[in-house]
Amino acid sequence: RIVVGARSAIFAPLPDLGAIVVDEEHEGTYKQSETPRYHARDLAVMRAAEAGAVCVLGSATPSLESWSNVERKKYRLASLPDRVGGGALPSVSVVDLKERAAVSRTPYGPIVLSDGLEDAMRKRIRRKEQVVLLLNRRGFSNFMQCQACGFVPTSPDCSVSLTYHRVRRRMVCHYSGYEAPVPKQCERCGSDDLSFRGLGTEQVEQTVSERFPEARIARMDVDTTSGKWSHHEILGRVERGEVDILLGTQMIAKGLDFPNVTLVGVVNADVGLHLPDFRASERVFQLLAQVAGRAGRGVKAGEVMIQTRIPDHYAIQAALSHDVKGFSERELSERKNLHYPPFTRILNVVVSSPDVKLAADVAGQAARWVSSKIGRSLPRELEVIGPAPSPIEQLHGRWRWHFFLRSNSVRAIGEVGRALRDAELSRGGDVRIVLDRDPVSLL
């Protein structure tokens, strides 16, 4: 009678479908990023419509697509203005990390805990209350750099720097899984003057353990939750009061309901805010709003402290006042001016090859082919943007170029997708072309 599952559950063969509930409908993980590509939320809406069923999309921070559909009267909005149990929303404040007087640096360089956040944590520890710290970046340091020549070790298979993991004493690529020993000398100039830059959850854990030696600390990220039942083990300890400070990545930002958590600290709210992706601000706001909801879920009042170097950014300002409507209206205005979804539809065409020149050549050829067909065999409402190297230019040993097609017409996007699928392009080697319709990310 009832099917519960992840995104593939949308295909469950129920004979008499009455309702579909999509929890946390804004989550990007509802998009299947490999063949067959689909978005489970959008499929849920279509399947419910065909079956005459009700589709409920639930979220404290709705996607802009869903919010836009409410404004256009395609969806009905059912608001829950009060917390379950009648608790008050936590107070939210911002700590400007540019104000040097307000912060104290660690021996490693980056600012981990401002003086205000550290003081607030001490109060909670003394009162036997619990603290949650969020930093959406794992590892110890984001990269290693030679002080003599500036060289940064990168992954041989991906165009990203290697992240230093102190616990494992390894340099790791978070995309391909490549690992290497921590170098003692620079491979370019031979200097031994190497420094670690950036901040990850491992470094936060070390700093917190040094500042609060009496506190019981648990870290939740991909590195600590890879084992079977490891999530349950860590969260069980928190629920039983065996953990004073829980720190981790976005996996601790939602779904947790611990009444004794009265303080949430965001170590660096700027992580992810300036990625070359039109959804970057939306994701950061959703993450901040979701993690703020972990505080004060019981009878005790909650507090949230957000550390940032750009306190005036509208995504952070909206998070301070729990203003989902205000953020959505501002972000929709920005998207409309720039002709981005939900005001237009996009087909991202990604061309990859082990040969960087071949990837660029085929991407250019495909983009020119589409341009030549617009107004003839393809609708005039199409616009070609690019081609250009993908933001992450090399991934898993393959060089990537992309261009995207933009249109207000769903039909036009469908037609160009089918035409590209059937087009006989001169590839001349190991080339893959991926058509990603309505992408959740352009990275």
Protein backbone atom coordinates (compact mmCIF):
# COMPACT_ATOMS: atom_id res chain seq x y z
CA ARG A 1 0.00 0.00 0.00
CA ILE A 2 2.86 2.36 0.76
CA VAL A 3 6.26 2.53 -0.96
CA VAL A 4 9.10 4.39 0.76
CA GLY A 5 12.34 4.90 -1.10
CA ALA A 6 14.91 7.11 -2.78
CA ARG A 7 14.48 8.70 -6.23
CA SER A 8 14.01 5.38 -8.09
CA ALA A 9 10.90 4.71 -5.97
CA ILE A 10 9.04 7.00 -8.37
CA PHE A 11 8.94 4.02 -10.77
CA ALA A 12 7.26 1.69 -8.25
CA PRO A 13 4.46 -0.13 -10.13
CA LEU A 14 1.53 0.75 -7.88
CA PRO A 15 -1.76 -0.08 -9.61
CA ASP A 16 -3.96 2.44 -7.81
CA LEU A 17 -1.78 5.47 -7.09
CA GLY A 18 -3.42 8.05 -4.83
CA ALA A 19 -0.61 10.29 -3.55
CA ILE A 20 3.11 10.97 -4.00
CA VAL A 21 5.05 12.83 -1.30
CA VAL A 22 8.47 14.22 -2.21
CA ASP A 23 10.30 15.13 0.99
CA GLU A 24 12.99 17.86 0.80
CA GLU A 25 11.93 18.47 -2.79
CA HIS A 26 14.67 21.09 -3.29
CA GLU A 27 17.45 18.51 -2.99
CA GLY A 28 19.69 18.21 -6.06
CA THR A 29 20.13 14.48 -5.40
CA TYR A 30 16.67 13.90 -6.88
CA LYS A 31 18.37 14.40 -10.24
CA GLN A 32 19.83 11.16 -11.65
CA SER A 33 23.14 12.27 -13.16
CA GLU A 34 23.77 9.12 -15.20
CA THR A 35 21.76 7.38 -17.90
CA PRO A 36 18.81 7.34 -17.72
CA ARG A 37 18.79 10.99 -16.67
CA TYR A 38 15.67 12.13 -14.86
CA HIS A 39 14.55 14.37 -12.01
CA ALA A 40 12.44 12.39 -9.56
CA ARG A 41 10.56 15.49 -8.34
CA ASP A 42 9.47 16.42 -11.86
CA LEU A 43 8.57 12.81 -12.63
CA ALA A 44 6.49 12.72 -9.44
CA VAL A 45 4.48 15.73 -10.60
CA MET A 46 3.91 14.21 -14.05
CA ARG A 47 3.07 10.74 -12.75
CA ALA A 48 0.60 12.12 -10.22
CA ALA A 49 -1.07 14.21 -12.92
CA GLU A 50 -1.45 11.21 -15.22
CA ALA A 51 -2.81 9.03 -12.40
CA GLY A 52 -5.15 11.70 -11.05
CA ALA A 53 -3.25 11.57 -7.76
CA VAL A 54 -2.14 14.27 -5.33
CA CYS A 55 1.55 15.25 -5.35
CA VAL A 56 2.91 16.94 -2.23
CA LEU A 57 6.32 18.64 -2.46
CA GLY A 58 7.65 19.26 1.03
CA SER A 59 10.49 21.62 1.96
CA ALA A 60 11.36 24.38 4.41
CA THR A 61 13.37 25.97 1.56
CA PRO A 62 11.51 25.25 -1.68
CA SER A 63 13.36 25.15 -4.98
CA LEU A 64 12.90 28.23 -7.12
CA GLU A 65 11.23 26.07 -9.74
CA SER A 66 8.52 25.10 -7.26
CA TRP A 67 8.23 28.63 -5.88
CA SER A 68 7.80 29.97 -9.41
CA ASN A 69 5.09 27.39 -10.09
CA VAL A 70 3.24 28.63 -7.00
CA GLU A 71 3.43 32.22 -8.26
CA ARG A 72 2.11 31.14 -11.65
CA LYS A 73 -0.78 29.29 -9.95
CA LYS A 74 0.39 25.91 -11.27
CA TYR A 75 0.92 24.69 -7.69
CA ARG A 76 -0.97 25.49 -4.50
CA LEU A 77 1.03 26.64 -1.47
CA ALA A 78 0.26 25.04 1.89
CA SER A 79 2.24 26.93 4.55
CA LEU A 80 3.28 25.69 7.97
CA PRO A 81 4.11 28.98 9.73
CA ASP A 82 4.77 27.41 13.14
CA ARG A 83 7.16 24.74 14.32
CA VAL A 84 5.81 21.38 15.40
CA GLY A 85 5.24 21.64 19.14
CA GLY A 86 4.97 25.42 18.94
CA GLY A 87 8.66 26.15 19.55
CA ALA A 88 10.14 29.51 18.54
CA LEU A 89 12.61 29.84 15.68
CA PRO A 90 16.19 30.38 16.87
CA SER A 91 17.79 33.80 16.89
CA VAL A 92 20.36 34.17 14.12
CA SER A 93 23.39 36.47 14.16
CA VAL A 94 26.34 37.02 11.84
CA VAL A 95 30.04 37.29 12.66
CA ASP A 96 32.00 39.32 10.11
CA LEU A 97 35.32 37.52 9.71
CA LYS A 98 36.83 40.66 8.18
CA GLU A 99 36.68 42.30 11.62
CA ARG A 100 40.05 41.16 12.98
CA ALA A 101 39.24 42.34 16.49
CA ALA A 102 36.43 39.80 16.69
CA VAL A 103 38.46 36.74 15.78
CA SER A 104 41.51 34.83 16.86
CA ARG A 105 43.53 32.79 14.40
CA THR A 106 44.63 29.19 14.80
CA PRO A 107 48.27 28.11 14.47
CA TYR A 108 47.39 26.85 10.97
CA GLY A 109 46.23 30.21 9.62
CA PRO A 110 42.50 30.01 8.80
CA ILE A 111 39.90 31.34 11.20
CA VAL A 112 37.93 28.45 12.68
CA LEU A 113 36.10 29.87 15.70
CA SER A 114 35.45 33.56 16.22
CA ASP A 115 35.65 34.82 19.78
CA GLY A 116 31.88 35.21 19.88
CA LEU A 117 31.19 31.67 18.66
CA GLU A 118 33.76 30.21 21.05
CA ASP A 119 32.20 32.04 24.01
CA ALA A 120 28.73 30.84 23.02
CA MET A 121 30.01 27.26 22.79
CA ARG A 122 31.52 27.48 26.29
CA LYS A 123 28.18 28.58 27.73
CA ARG A 124 26.45 25.57 26.18
CA ILE A 125 29.08 23.11 27.37
CA ARG A 126 28.76 24.47 30.92
CA ARG A 127 24.96 24.09 30.78
CA LYS A 128 25.27 20.49 29.47
CA GLU A 129 23.66 21.49 26.17
CA GLN A 130 24.76 20.40 22.72
CA VAL A 131 26.37 22.29 19.82
CA VAL A 132 26.32 21.67 16.06
CA LEU A 133 29.10 23.09 13.84
CA LEU A 134 28.77 23.11 10.05
CA LEU A 135 31.55 23.38 7.46
CA ASN A 136 30.64 22.01 4.07
CA ARG A 137 34.16 20.92 3.17
CA ARG A 138 35.88 17.77 4.35
CA GLY A 139 39.55 17.02 4.84
CA PHE A 140 42.09 19.03 6.84
CA SER A 141 43.23 21.62 4.28
CA ASN A 142 41.88 22.35 0.81
CA PHE A 143 45.30 22.30 -0.83
CA MET A 144 49.05 22.35 -0.29
CA GLN A 145 51.21 25.11 -1.78
CA CYS A 146 54.95 25.59 -2.18
CA GLN A 147 55.96 28.90 -0.62
CA ALA A 148 58.99 29.17 -2.91
CA CYS A 149 57.43 28.77 -6.37
CA GLY A 150 53.67 28.71 -5.67
CA PHE A 151 53.14 25.19 -7.06
CA VAL A 152 49.95 23.39 -5.93
CA PRO A 153 49.74 19.57 -6.29
CA THR A 154 46.75 18.59 -8.43
CA SER A 155 45.02 15.36 -9.37
CA PRO A 156 46.48 13.66 -12.47
CA ASP A 157 42.95 12.76 -13.60
CA CYS A 158 41.00 15.90 -12.68
CA SER A 159 41.72 19.62 -12.89
CA VAL A 160 41.33 20.13 -9.13
CA SER A 161 43.84 20.48 -6.32
CA LEU A 162 44.48 17.58 -3.97
CA THR A 163 42.97 17.91 -0.49
CA TYR A 164 45.13 17.13 2.53
CA HIS A 165 43.63 14.52 4.89
CA ARG A 166 45.61 14.63 8.11
CA VAL A 167 44.12 11.51 9.73
CA ARG A 168 45.12 9.32 6.77
CA ARG A 169 48.24 11.35 5.93
CA ARG A 170 47.22 11.40 2.28
CA MET A 171 46.55 13.88 -0.50
CA VAL A 172 43.16 13.01 -2.00
CA CYS A 173 41.13 13.96 -5.07
CA HIS A 174 37.45 14.12 -4.02
CA TYR A 175 36.27 13.52 -7.59
CA SER A 176 38.26 10.54 -8.85
CA GLY A 177 39.38 9.08 -5.50
CA TYR A 178 43.07 9.36 -6.47
CA GLU A 179 45.40 9.33 -3.43
CA ALA A 180 49.08 10.15 -2.97
CA PRO A 181 51.47 10.40 -0.01
CA VAL A 182 51.99 13.84 1.50
CA PRO A 183 55.09 15.25 -0.27
CA LYS A 184 58.08 16.39 1.75
CA GLN A 185 59.44 18.54 -1.08
CA CYS A 186 57.96 20.51 -3.94
CA GLU A 187 57.96 18.36 -7.08
CA ARG A 188 58.60 21.43 -9.22
CA CYS A 189 61.44 23.27 -7.43
CA GLY A 190 62.49 20.87 -4.66
CA SER A 191 61.79 23.32 -1.83
CA ASP A 192 60.70 21.91 1.51
CA ASP A 193 58.82 25.11 2.39
CA LEU A 194 55.32 23.68 1.95
CA SER A 195 52.18 25.04 3.60
CA PHE A 196 48.59 23.89 3.90
CA ARG A 197 45.85 26.31 2.85
CA GLY A 198 42.11 26.39 3.38
CA LEU A 199 39.92 24.73 5.95
CA GLY A 200 38.19 21.37 6.25
CA THR A 201 36.25 19.44 8.87
CA GLU A 202 39.36 17.63 10.13
CA GLN A 203 41.01 20.95 10.99
CA VAL A 204 37.83 22.17 12.68
CA GLU A 205 37.81 18.99 14.76
CA GLN A 206 41.43 19.48 15.83
CA THR A 207 40.91 23.14 16.72
CA VAL A 208 37.73 22.42 18.68
CA SER A 209 39.38 19.58 20.58
CA GLU A 210 42.25 21.91 21.53
CA ARG A 211 39.92 24.71 22.66
CA PHE A 212 37.49 22.35 24.44
CA PRO A 213 39.58 19.43 25.75
CA GLU A 214 36.78 18.40 28.11
CA ALA A 215 34.13 18.18 25.36
CA ARG A 216 33.04 14.98 23.64
CA ILE A 217 33.25 15.60 19.90
CA ALA A 218 31.85 13.69 16.93
CA ARG A 219 32.57 14.41 13.26
CA MET A 220 30.18 13.46 10.46
CA ASP A 221 31.43 13.57 6.87
CA VAL A 222 32.09 11.09 4.08
CA ASP A 223 35.32 9.96 5.77
CA THR A 224 33.66 9.03 9.10
CA THR A 225 30.41 7.58 7.74
CA SER A 226 31.65 5.21 5.02
CA GLY A 227 31.18 2.13 7.21
CA LYS A 228 27.90 0.26 7.56
CA TRP A 229 25.60 1.80 10.21
CA SER A 230 28.18 4.51 10.97
CA HIS A 231 25.51 7.24 10.56
CA HIS A 232 23.27 5.51 13.09
CA GLU A 233 26.13 4.98 15.53
CA ILE A 234 27.13 8.66 15.54
CA LEU A 235 23.59 10.00 15.69
CA GLY A 236 22.70 7.47 18.39
CA ARG A 237 25.50 8.87 20.55
CA VAL A 238 24.18 12.40 20.01
CA GLU A 239 20.64 11.34 20.92
CA ARG A 240 21.83 9.64 24.11
CA GLY A 241 23.70 12.78 25.17
CA GLU A 242 27.13 11.19 24.71
CA VAL A 243 28.28 13.97 22.34
CA ASP A 244 28.68 17.63 23.30
CA ILE A 245 29.75 18.98 19.89
CA LEU A 246 28.66 17.49 16.56
CA LEU A 247 30.53 18.89 13.57
CA GLY A 248 30.33 17.96 9.94
CA THR A 249 29.40 18.72 6.36
CA GLN A 250 25.94 19.21 4.84
CA MET A 251 24.81 15.77 6.03
CA ILE A 252 24.21 17.29 9.50
CA ALA A 253 22.23 20.25 8.13
CA LYS A 254 18.79 18.65 7.87
CA GLY A 255 16.62 15.92 9.29
CA LEU A 256 18.15 15.97 12.78
CA ASP A 257 15.81 16.56 15.72
CA PHE A 258 17.73 16.78 18.99
CA PRO A 259 15.97 18.93 21.64
CA ASN A 260 19.21 19.54 23.56
CA VAL A 261 20.95 21.23 20.59
CA THR A 262 20.72 24.92 21.46
CA LEU A 263 23.57 26.37 19.38
CA VAL A 264 24.41 25.99 15.70
CA GLY A 265 27.62 27.54 14.37
CA VAL A 266 28.37 27.91 10.66
CA VAL A 267 32.17 27.99 10.47
CA ASN A 268 32.31 29.55 6.99
CA ALA A 269 29.08 30.42 5.18
CA ASP A 270 30.99 31.53 2.06
CA VAL A 271 31.87 27.98 0.98
CA GLY A 272 30.11 27.39 -2.34
CA LEU A 273 28.74 30.92 -2.66
CA HIS A 274 30.92 31.96 -5.62
CA LEU A 275 30.98 28.77 -7.65
CA PRO A 276 30.48 29.30 -11.41
CA ASP A 277 26.93 27.99 -11.26
CA PHE A 278 23.67 29.93 -11.39
CA ARG A 279 22.27 27.93 -8.44
CA ALA A 280 25.16 28.74 -6.06
CA SER A 281 23.31 31.38 -4.00
CA GLU A 282 20.19 29.21 -3.79
CA ARG A 283 22.16 26.24 -2.45
CA VAL A 284 23.96 28.32 0.17
CA PHE A 285 20.71 29.89 1.41
CA GLN A 286 19.04 26.48 1.61
CA LEU A 287 21.99 25.03 3.54
CA LEU A 288 22.06 27.92 6.02
CA ALA A 289 18.30 27.88 6.54
CA GLN A 290 18.23 24.11 6.97
CA VAL A 291 21.09 23.95 9.48
CA ALA A 292 19.61 26.88 11.42
CA GLY A 293 16.55 24.71 11.93
CA ARG A 294 18.59 22.23 13.99
CA ALA A 295 18.76 24.67 16.94
CA GLY A 296 16.13 25.12 19.61
CA ARG A 297 13.84 22.25 18.61
CA GLY A 298 12.88 21.56 22.23
CA VAL A 299 11.78 23.78 25.10
CA LYS A 300 15.21 25.43 25.30
CA ALA A 301 15.79 28.52 23.17
CA GLY A 302 18.07 28.14 20.17
CA GLU A 303 20.79 30.36 18.72
CA VAL A 304 22.56 30.33 15.35
CA MET A 305 25.86 32.10 14.60
CA ILE A 306 26.98 32.45 10.97
CA GLN A 307 30.63 33.31 10.27
CA THR A 308 31.22 35.01 6.92
CA ARG A 309 33.34 37.57 5.11
CA ILE A 310 30.39 38.84 3.06
CA PRO A 311 27.67 39.51 5.65
CA ASP A 312 25.73 41.81 3.28
CA HIS A 313 25.10 39.11 0.65
CA TYR A 314 21.35 38.72 0.20
CA ALA A 315 21.46 34.94 0.71
CA ILE A 316 23.07 35.38 4.13
CA GLN A 317 20.82 38.31 5.06
CA ALA A 318 17.74 36.23 4.20
CA ALA A 319 19.04 33.36 6.33
CA LEU A 320 19.41 35.74 9.29
CA SER A 321 15.67 36.46 9.27
CA HIS A 322 14.46 33.01 8.09
CA ASP A 323 13.07 34.89 5.07
CA VAL A 324 12.38 32.23 2.43
CA LYS A 325 9.92 34.47 0.57
CA GLY A 326 12.31 37.44 0.49
CA PHE A 327 15.21 35.35 -0.76
CA SER A 328 13.11 33.63 -3.41
CA GLU A 329 11.78 36.93 -4.77
CA ARG A 330 15.29 38.46 -4.95
CA GLU A 331 16.84 35.38 -6.53
CA LEU A 332 13.99 35.03 -9.03
CA SER A 333 14.53 38.66 -10.05
CA GLU A 334 18.24 37.95 -10.64
CA ARG A 335 17.46 34.81 -12.63
CA LYS A 336 14.88 36.62 -14.77
CA ASN A 337 17.33 39.37 -15.67
CA LEU A 338 19.97 36.81 -16.68
CA HIS A 339 17.55 34.47 -18.50
CA TYR A 340 18.19 31.46 -16.26
CA PRO A 341 15.76 28.81 -14.98
CA PRO A 342 12.97 28.78 -13.98
CA PHE A 343 12.30 31.50 -16.59
CA THR A 344 13.90 29.51 -19.36
CA ARG A 345 14.79 25.89 -20.06
CA ILE A 346 18.35 24.66 -20.57
CA LEU A 347 19.98 21.70 -22.28
CA ASN A 348 23.63 21.37 -21.23
CA VAL A 349 25.73 19.56 -23.86
CA VAL A 350 28.97 18.17 -22.41
CA VAL A 351 31.64 16.79 -24.76
CA SER A 352 34.48 14.79 -23.21
CA SER A 353 37.60 13.01 -24.47
CA PRO A 354 41.05 11.99 -23.20
CA ASP A 355 42.33 14.33 -25.96
CA VAL A 356 41.74 17.96 -24.97
CA LYS A 357 41.90 19.20 -28.58
CA LEU A 358 39.42 16.58 -29.75
CA ALA A 359 36.95 17.53 -27.01
CA ALA A 360 37.19 21.22 -27.97
CA ASP A 361 36.89 20.50 -31.70
CA VAL A 362 33.80 18.29 -31.38
CA ALA A 363 32.13 20.73 -28.99
CA GLY A 364 32.69 23.52 -31.50
CA GLN A 365 31.44 21.35 -34.34
CA ALA A 366 28.27 20.39 -32.44
CA ALA A 367 27.54 24.01 -31.45
CA ARG A 368 27.98 25.19 -35.05
CA TRP A 369 25.76 22.35 -36.29
CA VAL A 370 22.94 23.40 -33.97
CA SER A 371 23.36 27.07 -34.89
CA SER A 372 23.12 26.21 -38.59
CA LYS A 373 19.83 24.35 -38.04
CA ILE A 374 18.07 27.05 -36.01
CA GLY A 375 15.25 28.55 -38.04
CA ARG A 376 15.43 25.73 -40.57
CA SER A 377 14.89 22.25 -39.11
CA LEU A 378 15.04 23.50 -35.49
CA PRO A 379 12.80 26.11 -33.83
CA ARG A 380 13.83 29.77 -33.89
CA GLU A 381 13.33 30.09 -30.12
CA LEU A 382 16.70 28.42 -29.43
CA GLU A 383 19.84 30.23 -28.26
CA VAL A 384 23.33 28.67 -28.25
CA ILE A 385 25.68 29.71 -25.41
CA GLY A 386 29.30 28.64 -25.87
CA PRO A 387 31.20 26.40 -26.34
CA ALA A 388 33.74 26.80 -23.54
CA PRO A 389 35.78 24.58 -21.21
CA SER A 390 33.67 23.15 -18.39
CA PRO A 391 34.31 24.76 -14.97
CA ILE A 392 35.99 21.49 -13.93
CA GLU A 393 37.84 21.04 -17.20
CA GLN A 394 39.27 17.57 -16.58
CA LEU A 395 37.35 14.84 -14.75
CA HIS A 396 38.30 11.17 -14.41
CA GLY A 397 40.99 11.56 -17.04
CA ARG A 398 38.68 13.11 -19.64
CA TRP A 399 38.82 16.71 -20.85
CA ARG A 400 35.42 18.40 -20.92
CA TRP A 401 33.97 21.18 -23.04
CA HIS A 402 30.36 22.23 -22.99
CA PHE A 403 27.79 24.55 -24.48
CA PHE A 404 24.20 24.95 -23.51
CA LEU A 405 21.01 25.60 -25.39
CA ARG A 406 18.46 27.95 -23.93
CA SER A 407 14.80 28.45 -24.80
CA ASN A 408 11.48 29.46 -23.30
CA SER A 409 9.91 26.57 -25.20
CA VAL A 410 9.89 23.09 -23.68
CA ARG A 411 9.11 21.73 -27.13
CA ALA A 412 12.16 23.44 -28.67
CA ILE A 413 14.49 21.94 -26.04
CA GLY A 414 13.02 18.51 -26.71
CA GLU A 415 13.46 18.87 -30.47
CA VAL A 416 17.08 19.99 -30.30
CA GLY A 417 17.88 17.19 -27.85
CA ARG A 418 16.50 14.55 -30.21
CA ALA A 419 18.25 16.16 -33.19
CA LEU A 420 21.62 16.17 -31.40
CA ARG A 421 21.13 12.57 -30.33
CA ASP A 422 20.60 11.51 -33.95
CA ALA A 423 23.14 13.87 -35.54
CA GLU A 424 26.08 12.29 -37.38
CA LEU A 425 28.93 14.39 -36.05
CA SER A 426 32.51 13.65 -37.12
CA ARG A 427 34.05 12.54 -33.84
CA GLY A 428 37.19 10.78 -35.06
CA GLY A 429 38.20 9.20 -31.75
CA ASP A 430 37.15 8.57 -28.14
CA VAL A 431 34.53 11.26 -27.70
CA ARG A 432 31.40 11.20 -25.54
CA ILE A 433 28.52 13.61 -25.82
CA VAL A 434 26.17 13.91 -22.85
CA LEU A 435 22.85 15.73 -23.09
CA ASP A 436 21.76 16.98 -19.68
CA ARG A 437 18.28 18.47 -19.84
CA ASP A 438 17.30 20.86 -17.00
CA PRO A 439 20.69 20.48 -15.26
CA VAL A 440 20.85 21.01 -11.50
CA SER A 441 24.49 22.05 -11.85
CA LEU A 442 26.66 23.42 -14.66
CA LEU A 443 29.93 22.37 -13.01
